[in-house]
Amino acid sequence: MVAKIKTFFSEVRTELLKASWPWDPKEHGFKRYKELVDSTMVVVVAMLLLAGYISFCDFCLTSIVGALTR
């Protein structure tokens, strides 16, 4: 059982070394994660825009249906 666990972690380490990480290993500090932060900001802005659009459409449709059913 211990041998299987060692083999597993050895294989995990090997695969992680093959991975392409989204930062430059020579950079240090916050600059290292610039691509990750930029991508996260794009997702957050897109979510806010989509939420605003859906809320606006929901408000308009609710008003229209309310006006028609009065």
C-alpha atoms as a PDB file:
ATOM      1  CA  MET A   1       0.000   0.000   0.000  1.00  0.00           C
ATOM      2  CA  VAL A   2       2.821   2.426   0.846  1.00  0.00           C
ATOM      3  CA  ALA A   3       4.520   1.626  -2.466  1.00  0.00           C
ATOM      4  CA  LYS A   4       1.316   2.497  -4.359  1.00  0.00           C
ATOM      5  CA  ILE A   5       1.075   5.825  -2.554  1.00  0.00           C
ATOM      6  CA  LYS A   6       4.719   6.658  -3.337  1.00  0.00           C
ATOM      7  CA  THR A   7       4.164   5.720  -6.972  1.00  0.00           C
ATOM      8  CA  PHE A   8       1.054   7.883  -7.130  1.00  0.00           C
ATOM      9  CA  PHE A   9       2.814  10.981  -5.769  1.00  0.00           C
ATOM     10  CA  SER A  10       5.807  10.337  -8.006  1.00  0.00           C
ATOM     11  CA  GLU A  11       3.537  10.241 -11.059  1.00  0.00           C
ATOM     12  CA  VAL A  12       1.664  13.367  -9.919  1.00  0.00           C
ATOM     13  CA  ARG A  13       4.965  15.238  -9.541  1.00  0.00           C
ATOM     14  CA  THR A  14       6.081  14.107 -13.012  1.00  0.00           C
ATOM     15  CA  GLU A  15       2.835  15.302 -14.593  1.00  0.00           C
ATOM     16  CA  LEU A  16       2.957  18.646 -12.785  1.00  0.00           C
ATOM     17  CA  LEU A  17       6.452  19.244 -14.124  1.00  0.00           C
ATOM     18  CA  LYS A  18       5.088  18.720 -17.660  1.00  0.00           C
ATOM     19  CA  ALA A  19       2.297  21.283 -17.132  1.00  0.00           C
ATOM     20  CA  SER A  20       2.400  24.739 -18.669  1.00  0.00           C
ATOM     21  CA  TRP A  21       1.709  27.303 -15.950  1.00  0.00           C
ATOM     22  CA  PRO A  22       0.209  30.744 -16.727  1.00  0.00           C
ATOM     23  CA  TRP A  23       3.136  32.679 -15.256  1.00  0.00           C
ATOM     24  CA  ASP A  24       6.790  33.265 -15.917  1.00  0.00           C
ATOM     25  CA  PRO A  25       8.916  31.409 -13.347  1.00  0.00           C
ATOM     26  CA  LYS A  26      11.508  34.232 -13.462  1.00  0.00           C
ATOM     27  CA  GLU A  27       9.006  36.830 -12.235  1.00  0.00           C
ATOM     28  CA  HIS A  28       8.471  37.412  -8.532  1.00  0.00           C
ATOM     29  CA  GLY A  29       5.669  38.897  -6.488  1.00  0.00           C
ATOM     30  CA  PHE A  30       2.380  40.133  -7.887  1.00  0.00           C
ATOM     31  CA  LYS A  31       3.748  40.494 -11.454  1.00  0.00           C
ATOM     32  CA  ARG A  32       4.047  36.719 -11.574  1.00  0.00           C
ATOM     33  CA  TYR A  33       0.260  36.323 -11.619  1.00  0.00           C
ATOM     34  CA  LYS A  34      -0.553  39.131 -14.089  1.00  0.00           C
ATOM     35  CA  GLU A  35      -2.116  36.832 -16.704  1.00  0.00           C
ATOM     36  CA  LEU A  36      -4.200  35.080 -14.048  1.00  0.00           C
ATOM     37  CA  VAL A  37      -5.436  38.372 -12.584  1.00  0.00           C
ATOM     38  CA  ASP A  38      -6.197  39.798 -16.033  1.00  0.00           C
ATOM     39  CA  SER A  39      -8.182  36.706 -17.005  1.00  0.00           C
ATOM     40  CA  THR A  40     -10.099  36.816 -13.727  1.00  0.00           C
ATOM     41  CA  MET A  41     -10.964  40.482 -14.284  1.00  0.00           C
ATOM     42  CA  VAL A  42     -12.287  39.714 -17.775  1.00  0.00           C
ATOM     43  CA  VAL A  43     -14.552  37.025 -16.323  1.00  0.00           C
ATOM     44  CA  VAL A  44     -15.808  39.292 -13.513  1.00  0.00           C
ATOM     45  CA  VAL A  45     -16.582  42.163 -15.914  1.00  0.00           C
ATOM     46  CA  ALA A  46     -18.353  39.799 -18.327  1.00  0.00           C
ATOM     47  CA  MET A  47     -20.444  38.397 -15.453  1.00  0.00           C
ATOM     48  CA  LEU A  48     -21.430  41.900 -14.304  1.00  0.00           C
ATOM     49  CA  LEU A  49     -22.410  42.947 -17.829  1.00  0.00           C
ATOM     50  CA  LEU A  50     -24.445  39.780 -18.325  1.00  0.00           C
ATOM     51  CA  ALA A  51     -26.135  40.191 -14.941  1.00  0.00           C
ATOM     52  CA  GLY A  52     -27.023  43.802 -15.793  1.00  0.00           C
ATOM     53  CA  TYR A  53     -28.442  42.805 -19.165  1.00  0.00           C
ATOM     54  CA  ILE A  54     -30.521  39.981 -17.697  1.00  0.00           C
ATOM     55  CA  SER A  55     -31.790  42.229 -14.882  1.00  0.00           C
ATOM     56  CA  PHE A  56     -32.758  44.935 -17.379  1.00  0.00           C
ATOM     57  CA  CYS A  57     -34.587  42.431 -19.602  1.00  0.00           C
ATOM     58  CA  ASP A  58     -36.334  40.929 -16.582  1.00  0.00           C
ATOM     59  CA  PHE A  59     -37.453  44.369 -15.404  1.00  0.00           C
ATOM     60  CA  CYS A  60     -38.766  45.283 -18.862  1.00  0.00           C
ATOM     61  CA  LEU A  61     -40.636  42.006 -19.331  1.00  0.00           C
ATOM     62  CA  THR A  62     -42.100  42.191 -15.820  1.00  0.00           C
ATOM     63  CA  SER A  63     -43.331  45.722 -16.512  1.00  0.00           C
ATOM     64  CA  ILE A  64     -44.844  44.709 -19.856  1.00  0.00           C
ATOM     65  CA  VAL A  65     -46.613  41.666 -18.429  1.00  0.00           C
ATOM     66  CA  GLY A  66     -47.805  43.719 -15.438  1.00  0.00           C
ATOM     67  CA  ALA A  67     -49.208  46.390 -17.738  1.00  0.00           C
ATOM     68  CA  LEU A  68     -50.988  43.815 -19.908  1.00  0.00           C
ATOM     69  CA  THR A  69     -52.561  41.950 -17.014  1.00  0.00           C
ATOM     70  CA  ARG A  70     -53.911  44.996 -15.153  1.00  0.00           C
END
